[in-house]
N, C-alpha and C. Protein backbone atom coordinates (compact mmCIF):
# COMPACT_ATOMS: atom_id res chain seq x y z
N MET A 1 -159.57 172.95 35.11
CA MET A 1 -158.50 173.03 33.93
C MET A 1 -158.32 171.92 33.01
N LYS A 2 -158.19 170.71 33.71
CA LYS A 2 -158.15 169.39 33.12
C LYS A 2 -159.22 169.22 31.93
N ASP A 3 -160.61 169.09 32.60
CA ASP A 3 -161.65 169.01 31.81
C ASP A 3 -161.77 170.01 30.56
N SER A 4 -161.47 171.19 30.96
CA SER A 4 -161.40 172.26 29.67
C SER A 4 -160.53 172.07 28.80
N VAL A 5 -159.23 171.38 28.95
CA VAL A 5 -158.31 171.32 27.91
C VAL A 5 -158.64 170.26 27.16
N LEU A 6 -159.29 169.19 27.87
CA LEU A 6 -159.64 167.83 27.24
C LEU A 6 -160.80 168.14 26.18
N TRP A 7 -161.82 168.97 26.80
CA TRP A 7 -163.06 169.28 26.07
C TRP A 7 -162.58 170.26 24.90
N GLN A 8 -161.67 171.09 24.98
CA GLN A 8 -161.06 171.91 23.83
C GLN A 8 -160.53 170.99 22.79
N LEU A 9 -159.69 169.93 23.08
CA LEU A 9 -159.21 169.01 22.25
C LEU A 9 -160.14 168.35 21.59
N PHE A 10 -161.26 167.97 22.16
CA PHE A 10 -162.44 167.20 21.59
C PHE A 10 -163.35 168.12 20.58
N ALA A 11 -163.44 169.44 21.14
CA ALA A 11 -164.44 170.07 20.17
C ALA A 11 -163.72 170.43 18.83
N GLY A 12 -162.31 170.85 19.19
CA GLY A 12 -161.33 171.13 17.96
C GLY A 12 -161.34 170.06 17.06
N PHE A 13 -161.11 168.93 17.23
CA PHE A 13 -160.90 167.76 16.60
C PHE A 13 -162.30 167.09 16.01
N PHE A 14 -163.20 167.23 16.79
CA PHE A 14 -164.47 166.83 16.32
C PHE A 14 -164.96 167.88 15.17
N ARG A 15 -164.81 168.95 15.30
CA ARG A 15 -165.26 169.99 14.22
C ARG A 15 -164.40 169.60 12.83
N ALA A 16 -163.05 169.59 12.99
CA ALA A 16 -162.23 169.14 12.06
C ALA A 16 -162.50 168.08 11.44
N GLY A 17 -163.00 166.92 12.08
CA GLY A 17 -163.54 165.63 11.52
C GLY A 17 -164.83 165.81 10.92
N ILE A 18 -165.63 166.26 11.53
CA ILE A 18 -167.08 166.38 10.98
C ILE A 18 -167.37 167.32 9.53
N LEU A 19 -166.28 168.48 9.49
CA LEU A 19 -166.26 169.44 8.54
C LEU A 19 -165.13 168.97 7.26
N GLY A 20 -164.48 168.01 7.58
CA GLY A 20 -163.45 167.84 6.67
C GLY A 20 -163.90 166.72 5.58
N TYR A 21 -165.01 167.25 4.79
CA TYR A 21 -165.36 166.55 3.51
C TYR A 21 -164.26 166.44 2.60
N GLY A 22 -163.83 165.20 2.23
CA GLY A 22 -162.92 165.00 1.22
C GLY A 22 -161.58 164.30 1.59
N GLY A 23 -161.81 163.96 3.03
CA GLY A 23 -160.54 163.39 3.32
C GLY A 23 -159.38 164.20 4.06
N GLY A 24 -158.32 163.66 4.15
CA GLY A 24 -157.23 164.34 4.90
C GLY A 24 -156.83 165.67 4.08
N PRO A 25 -156.71 165.85 2.77
CA PRO A 25 -156.32 167.05 2.34
C PRO A 25 -157.41 168.34 2.81
N ALA A 26 -158.66 167.81 2.82
CA ALA A 26 -159.70 168.78 3.15
C ALA A 26 -159.62 169.05 4.52
N SER A 27 -159.14 168.19 5.41
CA SER A 27 -159.01 168.47 6.85
C SER A 27 -158.01 169.18 7.22
N ILE A 28 -156.66 169.21 6.61
CA ILE A 28 -155.76 169.99 7.05
C ILE A 28 -156.17 171.67 7.28
N PRO A 29 -156.57 172.02 6.54
CA PRO A 29 -156.87 173.48 6.73
C PRO A 29 -157.92 173.63 8.23
N LEU A 30 -158.52 172.88 8.09
CA LEU A 30 -159.22 172.79 9.51
C LEU A 30 -158.69 172.49 10.60
N VAL A 31 -157.79 171.41 10.72
CA VAL A 31 -156.90 171.27 11.94
C VAL A 31 -156.06 172.48 12.22
N ARG A 32 -155.55 173.12 10.94
CA ARG A 32 -154.73 174.11 11.36
C ARG A 32 -155.54 175.44 11.86
N ARG A 33 -156.74 175.50 11.49
CA ARG A 33 -157.44 176.70 12.21
C ARG A 33 -157.56 176.45 13.76
N GLU A 34 -158.16 175.27 13.84
CA GLU A 34 -158.05 174.81 15.39
C GLU A 34 -156.99 174.95 16.12
N ALA A 35 -155.66 174.30 15.49
CA ALA A 35 -154.47 174.13 16.25
C ALA A 35 -153.85 175.46 16.59
N VAL A 36 -153.88 176.18 15.42
CA VAL A 36 -153.02 177.30 15.28
C VAL A 36 -153.81 178.77 15.70
N ILE A 37 -154.88 178.78 15.06
CA ILE A 37 -155.75 180.12 15.35
C ILE A 37 -156.75 179.92 16.38
N THR A 38 -157.49 179.15 16.69
CA THR A 38 -158.45 179.01 17.46
C THR A 38 -158.03 178.85 19.12
N TYR A 39 -157.11 177.72 19.22
CA TYR A 39 -156.46 177.28 20.36
C TYR A 39 -155.12 177.64 20.76
N LYS A 40 -154.38 178.00 19.57
CA LYS A 40 -152.81 178.36 19.71
C LYS A 40 -152.23 177.19 20.68
N TRP A 41 -152.47 175.98 20.10
CA TRP A 41 -151.62 174.89 20.52
C TRP A 41 -150.24 174.78 19.97
N MET A 42 -150.09 175.34 18.82
CA MET A 42 -149.01 175.50 18.04
C MET A 42 -148.90 176.59 17.33
N ASN A 43 -147.76 177.08 16.62
CA ASN A 43 -147.58 178.17 15.67
C ASN A 43 -147.59 177.74 14.32
N ASP A 44 -147.67 178.60 13.24
CA ASP A 44 -147.74 177.84 11.91
C ASP A 44 -146.42 177.18 11.44
N GLU A 45 -145.33 177.75 12.07
CA GLU A 45 -144.08 176.85 11.82
C GLU A 45 -144.08 175.63 12.10
N GLU A 46 -144.41 175.29 13.70
CA GLU A 46 -144.66 174.07 14.00
C GLU A 46 -145.84 173.12 13.24
N PHE A 47 -146.87 173.86 12.94
CA PHE A 47 -147.94 173.00 12.05
C PHE A 47 -147.31 172.68 11.02
N SER A 48 -146.68 173.50 10.21
CA SER A 48 -146.06 173.10 8.82
C SER A 48 -144.86 172.00 9.03
N ASP A 49 -144.17 172.01 10.08
CA ASP A 49 -143.19 170.72 10.08
C ASP A 49 -143.88 169.66 10.47
N LEU A 50 -145.08 169.83 11.32
CA LEU A 50 -145.83 168.42 11.56
C LEU A 50 -146.62 167.90 10.39
N LEU A 51 -146.90 168.76 9.61
CA LEU A 51 -147.62 168.64 8.34
C LEU A 51 -146.62 167.59 7.33
N ALA A 52 -145.42 168.41 7.30
CA ALA A 52 -144.28 167.64 6.49
C ALA A 52 -143.89 166.25 6.75
N LEU A 53 -143.83 166.20 8.51
CA LEU A 53 -143.37 165.12 8.89
C LEU A 53 -144.44 163.87 8.78
N GLY A 54 -145.78 164.47 9.05
CA GLY A 54 -146.82 163.53 9.08
C GLY A 54 -147.13 162.90 7.58
N ASN A 55 -146.72 163.69 6.55
CA ASN A 55 -147.00 163.29 5.07
C ASN A 55 -145.79 162.22 4.74
N THR A 56 -144.67 162.02 5.32
CA THR A 56 -143.78 161.08 5.24
C THR A 56 -144.00 159.79 5.83
N LEU A 57 -145.10 159.81 6.49
CA LEU A 57 -145.54 158.56 7.33
C LEU A 57 -146.81 157.82 6.80
N PRO A 58 -146.88 156.53 6.67
CA PRO A 58 -148.22 155.92 6.00
C PRO A 58 -149.34 156.11 7.11
N GLY A 59 -150.52 156.33 6.41
CA GLY A 59 -151.83 156.41 7.21
C GLY A 59 -152.36 157.71 7.02
N PRO A 60 -153.62 157.87 7.48
CA PRO A 60 -154.28 159.30 7.30
C PRO A 60 -153.58 160.21 7.97
N ILE A 61 -153.53 161.40 7.44
CA ILE A 61 -152.84 162.69 8.07
C ILE A 61 -153.60 163.16 9.20
N ILE A 62 -154.74 163.34 9.16
CA ILE A 62 -155.78 164.02 10.08
C ILE A 62 -155.33 163.13 11.64
N THR A 63 -155.51 161.84 11.56
CA THR A 63 -155.35 161.13 12.57
C THR A 63 -153.90 161.01 13.18
N LYS A 64 -153.04 161.18 12.20
CA LYS A 64 -151.43 161.41 12.70
C LYS A 64 -151.26 162.67 13.22
N MET A 65 -151.95 163.72 13.07
CA MET A 65 -151.82 165.16 13.65
C MET A 65 -152.55 165.13 14.68
N ALA A 66 -153.80 164.68 14.79
CA ALA A 66 -154.50 164.57 16.16
C ALA A 66 -153.79 164.01 17.18
N GLY A 67 -153.40 162.75 16.76
CA GLY A 67 -152.51 162.06 17.98
C GLY A 67 -151.65 162.96 18.30
N TYR A 68 -150.67 163.48 17.54
CA TYR A 68 -149.40 164.36 17.85
C TYR A 68 -149.93 165.39 18.93
N ILE A 69 -150.79 166.25 18.38
CA ILE A 69 -151.14 167.65 18.85
C ILE A 69 -151.94 167.27 20.35
N GLY A 70 -152.92 166.09 20.32
CA GLY A 70 -153.37 165.77 21.53
C GLY A 70 -152.36 165.39 22.49
N TYR A 71 -151.29 164.50 22.31
CA TYR A 71 -150.27 164.08 23.07
C TYR A 71 -149.50 165.57 23.59
N ARG A 72 -149.37 166.28 22.73
CA ARG A 72 -148.39 167.51 22.96
C ARG A 72 -149.24 168.48 23.91
N VAL A 73 -150.42 168.41 23.65
CA VAL A 73 -151.20 169.18 24.59
C VAL A 73 -151.52 168.81 25.83
N TYR A 74 -151.73 167.45 26.10
CA TYR A 74 -152.43 166.81 27.18
C TYR A 74 -151.99 165.38 27.55
N GLY A 75 -150.92 164.94 26.88
CA GLY A 75 -150.22 163.75 27.28
C GLY A 75 -150.84 162.18 26.64
N THR A 76 -150.93 161.44 27.26
CA THR A 76 -151.87 160.34 26.51
C THR A 76 -153.39 160.37 26.50
N SER A 77 -153.80 161.08 27.69
CA SER A 77 -155.55 161.41 27.51
C SER A 77 -155.78 162.46 26.38
N GLY A 78 -154.95 163.35 26.17
CA GLY A 78 -155.18 164.17 25.02
C GLY A 78 -155.06 163.37 23.98
N LEU A 79 -154.10 162.53 23.58
CA LEU A 79 -153.82 161.85 22.42
C LEU A 79 -155.19 161.17 22.15
N LEU A 80 -155.74 160.33 23.29
CA LEU A 80 -156.92 159.49 22.72
C LEU A 80 -158.16 160.23 22.73
N VAL A 81 -158.31 161.43 23.44
CA VAL A 81 -159.38 162.07 23.15
C VAL A 81 -159.63 162.81 21.70
N ALA A 82 -158.39 163.42 21.38
CA ALA A 82 -158.14 163.95 19.85
C ALA A 82 -158.37 163.02 18.84
N LEU A 83 -157.72 161.62 19.29
CA LEU A 83 -158.08 160.60 18.11
C LEU A 83 -159.59 160.33 17.88
N PHE A 84 -160.15 160.19 19.24
CA PHE A 84 -161.82 159.83 19.21
C PHE A 84 -162.40 160.72 18.52
N ALA A 85 -162.23 162.20 18.83
CA ALA A 85 -162.71 162.89 18.32
C ALA A 85 -162.77 163.17 16.75
N THR A 86 -161.56 162.85 16.33
CA THR A 86 -161.34 162.84 14.93
C THR A 86 -162.10 161.92 14.07
N VAL A 87 -161.95 160.62 14.68
CA VAL A 87 -162.54 159.60 14.10
C VAL A 87 -163.88 159.30 14.15
N MET A 88 -164.48 159.54 15.16
CA MET A 88 -166.01 159.25 15.60
C MET A 88 -166.78 159.99 14.59
N PRO A 89 -166.70 161.28 14.24
CA PRO A 89 -167.60 161.77 13.01
C PRO A 89 -167.80 160.88 11.68
N THR A 90 -166.34 160.57 11.39
CA THR A 90 -166.23 159.99 10.18
C THR A 90 -166.94 158.40 10.29
N VAL A 91 -166.77 157.76 11.19
CA VAL A 91 -167.45 156.46 11.44
C VAL A 91 -168.88 156.71 11.47
N PHE A 92 -169.46 157.40 12.02
CA PHE A 92 -170.98 157.45 12.18
C PHE A 92 -171.48 158.20 10.86
N ILE A 93 -170.88 159.12 10.25
CA ILE A 93 -171.30 159.61 9.23
C ILE A 93 -171.25 158.55 7.96
N MET A 94 -170.15 157.92 7.81
CA MET A 94 -170.02 156.93 6.82
C MET A 94 -170.98 155.76 6.85
N ILE A 95 -171.43 155.42 7.99
CA ILE A 95 -172.52 154.45 8.19
C ILE A 95 -173.74 155.17 7.69
N ILE A 96 -174.13 156.24 7.92
CA ILE A 96 -175.43 156.90 7.52
C ILE A 96 -175.12 157.14 6.27
N LEU A 97 -174.38 157.82 5.98
CA LEU A 97 -173.99 158.25 4.34
C LEU A 97 -174.05 157.22 3.50
N VAL A 98 -173.48 156.20 3.80
CA VAL A 98 -173.35 155.13 2.40
C VAL A 98 -174.68 154.41 2.55
N THR A 99 -175.46 154.06 3.77
CA THR A 99 -176.58 153.49 3.81
C THR A 99 -177.58 154.41 3.01
N THR A 100 -177.58 155.61 3.02
CA THR A 100 -178.57 156.62 2.39
C THR A 100 -178.29 156.86 1.02
N LEU A 101 -177.08 156.90 0.63
CA LEU A 101 -176.60 157.16 -0.67
C LEU A 101 -176.87 155.91 -1.78
N SER A 102 -176.58 154.70 -0.93
CA SER A 102 -176.90 153.65 -1.74
C SER A 102 -178.37 153.45 -2.21
N ASN A 103 -179.38 153.81 -1.22
CA ASN A 103 -180.60 153.98 -1.39
C ASN A 103 -181.16 155.31 -2.39
N ALA A 104 -180.02 155.96 -2.56
CA ALA A 104 -180.66 157.26 -3.34
C ALA A 104 -179.44 157.70 -4.43
N GLN A 105 -179.01 156.85 -4.80
CA GLN A 105 -177.93 157.07 -5.80
C GLN A 105 -178.31 157.67 -7.38
N ASP A 106 -179.80 157.40 -7.57
CA ASP A 106 -180.24 157.65 -8.79
C ASP A 106 -180.97 158.95 -8.93
N ILE A 107 -180.93 159.71 -7.53
CA ILE A 107 -181.61 160.91 -7.40
C ILE A 107 -180.62 162.05 -7.74
N ALA A 108 -181.19 163.03 -8.89
CA ALA A 108 -180.33 164.02 -9.51
C ALA A 108 -179.82 164.93 -8.23
N TRP A 109 -180.61 165.39 -7.41
CA TRP A 109 -180.02 166.32 -6.27
C TRP A 109 -178.83 165.78 -5.51
N VAL A 110 -178.94 164.56 -5.10
CA VAL A 110 -178.03 163.67 -4.62
C VAL A 110 -176.44 163.81 -5.41
N ASN A 111 -176.69 163.58 -6.55
CA ASN A 111 -175.41 163.91 -7.33
C ASN A 111 -174.93 165.21 -7.49
N GLY A 112 -175.83 166.02 -7.53
CA GLY A 112 -175.46 167.43 -7.71
C GLY A 112 -174.79 167.87 -6.51
N MET A 113 -175.44 167.53 -5.24
CA MET A 113 -174.94 167.71 -4.07
C MET A 113 -173.39 167.29 -3.86
N THR A 114 -173.05 166.09 -4.43
CA THR A 114 -171.71 165.18 -4.24
C THR A 114 -170.77 166.24 -5.17
N LYS A 115 -171.27 166.36 -6.41
CA LYS A 115 -170.32 167.45 -7.26
C LYS A 115 -170.07 168.87 -6.80
N ALA A 116 -171.01 169.34 -6.11
CA ALA A 116 -170.81 170.80 -5.74
C ALA A 116 -169.79 170.91 -4.76
N VAL A 117 -169.53 170.02 -3.91
CA VAL A 117 -168.56 169.85 -2.64
C VAL A 117 -167.14 169.94 -3.35
N ILE A 118 -166.93 169.52 -4.46
CA ILE A 118 -165.65 169.19 -4.95
C ILE A 118 -165.18 170.73 -5.08
N PRO A 119 -165.59 171.65 -5.82
CA PRO A 119 -165.01 172.90 -5.81
C PRO A 119 -164.53 173.75 -4.44
N VAL A 120 -165.23 173.38 -3.55
CA VAL A 120 -165.06 173.87 -2.09
C VAL A 120 -163.80 173.45 -1.37
N VAL A 121 -163.76 171.89 -1.86
CA VAL A 121 -162.41 171.38 -1.40
C VAL A 121 -161.25 171.90 -2.01
N GLY A 122 -161.42 172.08 -3.52
CA GLY A 122 -160.39 172.82 -3.95
C GLY A 122 -159.99 174.15 -3.44
N VAL A 123 -160.94 174.91 -3.16
CA VAL A 123 -160.72 176.32 -2.44
C VAL A 123 -159.84 176.28 -1.34
N MET A 124 -160.29 175.11 -0.47
CA MET A 124 -159.64 175.00 0.99
C MET A 124 -158.19 174.59 0.76
N LEU A 125 -157.88 173.73 -0.24
CA LEU A 125 -156.51 173.34 -0.55
C LEU A 125 -155.69 174.60 -1.14
N VAL A 126 -156.59 175.30 -2.10
CA VAL A 126 -155.72 176.83 -2.43
C VAL A 126 -155.32 177.37 -1.15
N MET A 127 -156.15 177.81 -0.29
CA MET A 127 -156.25 178.52 0.78
C MET A 127 -154.87 178.08 1.69
N LEU A 128 -154.97 176.76 1.83
CA LEU A 128 -153.74 176.15 2.51
C LEU A 128 -152.37 176.15 2.00
N ALA A 129 -152.33 176.07 0.69
CA ALA A 129 -151.14 176.24 -0.06
C ALA A 129 -150.65 177.56 -0.13
N TYR A 130 -151.62 178.57 0.03
CA TYR A 130 -151.17 179.95 0.03
C TYR A 130 -150.47 180.31 1.55
N SER A 131 -151.24 179.86 2.39
CA SER A 131 -150.90 179.91 3.78
C SER A 131 -149.33 179.43 3.96
N PHE A 132 -149.04 178.08 3.56
CA PHE A 132 -147.61 177.62 3.46
C PHE A 132 -146.80 178.22 2.67
N PHE A 133 -147.19 178.83 1.43
CA PHE A 133 -146.18 179.72 0.74
C PHE A 133 -145.84 180.88 1.43
N ARG A 134 -147.00 181.59 1.96
CA ARG A 134 -146.61 182.73 2.89
C ARG A 134 -145.40 182.47 3.84
N GLN A 135 -145.80 181.41 4.64
CA GLN A 135 -144.94 180.94 5.63
C GLN A 135 -143.50 180.65 5.19
N SER A 136 -143.50 180.07 4.18
CA SER A 136 -142.14 179.90 3.70
C SER A 136 -141.64 180.77 3.12
N THR A 137 -142.13 181.58 2.46
CA THR A 137 -141.49 183.19 1.98
C THR A 137 -140.89 183.90 3.45
N LEU A 138 -141.59 183.80 4.38
CA LEU A 138 -141.12 184.64 5.58
C LEU A 138 -139.59 184.12 6.14
N SER A 139 -139.63 182.60 6.01
CA SER A 139 -138.44 181.84 6.63
C SER A 139 -137.26 181.41 5.69
N ASN A 140 -137.77 181.61 4.39
CA ASN A 140 -136.72 181.13 3.37
C ASN A 140 -136.50 182.06 2.10
N GLY A 141 -137.50 183.11 2.06
CA GLY A 141 -137.29 184.06 1.14
C GLY A 141 -138.32 183.81 0.09
N VAL A 142 -138.73 184.73 -0.94
CA VAL A 142 -139.39 184.41 -1.83
C VAL A 142 -138.78 183.78 -3.13
N LEU A 143 -137.51 184.08 -3.38
CA LEU A 143 -136.81 183.39 -4.33
C LEU A 143 -136.75 181.90 -4.19
N GLN A 144 -136.01 181.53 -3.18
CA GLN A 144 -135.84 180.47 -2.46
C GLN A 144 -137.12 179.43 -2.60
N THR A 145 -138.40 179.88 -2.07
CA THR A 145 -139.63 179.32 -1.96
C THR A 145 -140.08 179.07 -3.53
N ILE A 146 -139.91 179.93 -4.54
CA ILE A 146 -140.22 179.63 -5.64
C ILE A 146 -139.50 178.39 -6.25
N ILE A 147 -138.22 178.62 -6.17
CA ILE A 147 -137.18 177.62 -6.45
C ILE A 147 -137.63 175.99 -5.97
N LEU A 148 -137.88 176.18 -4.48
CA LEU A 148 -138.21 174.66 -4.05
C LEU A 148 -139.60 174.32 -4.61
N ILE A 149 -140.28 175.20 -4.95
CA ILE A 149 -141.91 174.88 -5.44
C ILE A 149 -141.60 174.13 -7.07
N LEU A 150 -140.73 175.14 -7.72
CA LEU A 150 -140.48 174.42 -9.27
C LEU A 150 -139.87 173.18 -9.13
N ILE A 151 -138.87 173.09 -8.39
CA ILE A 151 -138.02 171.79 -8.35
C ILE A 151 -138.93 170.42 -7.91
N SER A 152 -139.55 170.89 -6.67
CA SER A 152 -140.69 169.84 -6.20
C SER A 152 -141.58 169.43 -7.28
N LEU A 153 -142.20 170.51 -8.09
CA LEU A 153 -143.25 170.21 -8.98
C LEU A 153 -142.72 169.42 -10.22
N LEU A 154 -141.41 169.60 -10.67
CA LEU A 154 -140.58 168.86 -11.66
C LEU A 154 -140.39 167.50 -11.24
N VAL A 155 -139.96 167.30 -9.86
CA VAL A 155 -139.79 165.88 -9.48
C VAL A 155 -141.04 165.08 -9.20
N ILE A 156 -142.03 165.85 -8.83
CA ILE A 156 -143.29 165.02 -8.47
C ILE A 156 -143.88 164.85 -9.78
N VAL A 157 -144.11 165.73 -10.58
CA VAL A 157 -144.90 165.74 -11.82
C VAL A 157 -144.47 164.83 -12.91
N VAL A 158 -143.02 165.41 -13.40
CA VAL A 158 -142.18 164.88 -14.35
C VAL A 158 -141.78 163.49 -14.18
N MET A 159 -140.91 163.41 -12.89
CA MET A 159 -140.06 162.48 -12.56
C MET A 159 -140.68 161.34 -11.92
N ASN A 160 -142.05 161.79 -11.45
CA ASN A 160 -142.95 160.75 -10.82
C ASN A 160 -142.73 160.21 -9.31
N ILE A 161 -141.91 161.07 -8.75
CA ILE A 161 -141.29 160.69 -7.54
C ILE A 161 -142.28 160.95 -6.34
N HIS A 162 -142.32 160.15 -5.34
CA HIS A 162 -143.39 160.18 -4.28
C HIS A 162 -143.05 161.51 -3.43
N PRO A 163 -143.97 162.38 -3.14
CA PRO A 163 -143.69 163.57 -2.21
C PRO A 163 -142.91 163.39 -0.91
N ALA A 164 -143.16 162.07 -0.48
CA ALA A 164 -142.64 161.87 0.76
C ALA A 164 -141.11 161.72 0.54
N VAL A 165 -140.69 161.30 -0.69
CA VAL A 165 -139.27 161.14 -0.71
C VAL A 165 -138.45 162.61 -0.81
N ILE A 166 -139.26 163.56 -1.28
CA ILE A 166 -138.88 164.89 -1.32
C ILE A 166 -138.84 165.44 -0.13
N ILE A 167 -139.86 165.14 0.67
CA ILE A 167 -139.87 165.96 2.02
C ILE A 167 -138.81 165.29 2.93
N GLY A 168 -138.57 164.20 2.88
CA GLY A 168 -137.59 163.39 3.65
C GLY A 168 -136.17 163.93 3.23
N THR A 169 -135.97 164.21 1.85
CA THR A 169 -134.80 164.77 1.50
C THR A 169 -134.52 165.94 1.94
N LEU A 170 -135.55 166.96 1.77
CA LEU A 170 -135.45 168.35 2.28
C LEU A 170 -135.21 168.27 3.95
N ILE A 171 -135.73 167.29 4.63
CA ILE A 171 -135.61 167.21 6.09
C ILE A 171 -134.10 166.85 6.34
N LEU A 172 -133.47 165.87 5.63
CA LEU A 172 -132.16 165.52 5.74
C LEU A 172 -131.18 166.80 5.46
N PHE A 173 -131.59 167.33 4.52
CA PHE A 173 -130.79 168.57 3.75
C PHE A 173 -130.84 169.57 4.97
N ALA A 174 -131.79 169.87 5.53
CA ALA A 174 -132.02 170.92 6.77
C ALA A 174 -131.27 170.37 7.96
N LEU A 175 -131.29 169.17 8.29
CA LEU A 175 -130.61 168.53 9.32
C LEU A 175 -129.15 168.69 9.30
N MET A 176 -128.37 168.51 7.97
CA MET A 176 -127.26 168.53 7.52
C MET A 176 -126.54 169.97 7.73
N LYS A 177 -127.51 170.82 7.21
CA LYS A 177 -127.34 172.19 7.12
C LYS A 177 -126.85 173.02 8.56
N LYS A 178 -127.60 172.42 9.35
CA LYS A 178 -127.22 172.86 10.87
C LYS A 178 -126.15 172.53 11.42
């Protein structure tokens, strides 16, 4: 049992780490797929809460999520395995990629390949946003969700306030409401 759970943690976070091209935002849908759908370590609401809290803290989101989920699933051993599996692909790929790209930066297909990945990451982010919208409408209703989205958009874009401040404020509001 122990080996199988640790192996699942390693496999799940290794996949998210190796396929999460573009950093944290691109990795979030992959982590969600592993944690919520594939292994059922948590449900969508718990994942949304983890993402919201993780975004209020400094540092890369995927490592914070891996650390928490790993610890939740299998304590300190789970935390270490999930973190290692998340970081290991990035470290090795960065070494190989930076070395290769620095030698091939003038080749047209290399530039084309890098530009082609950007829309894929965009689609992954839209899918994640839709998933969170759907989850929010189930718990808050459509009207309240749309109002929160519009207010958040206004505060982030127009007033230039960091999203962590909004998330923290909403968490405080929810805690006071209980």
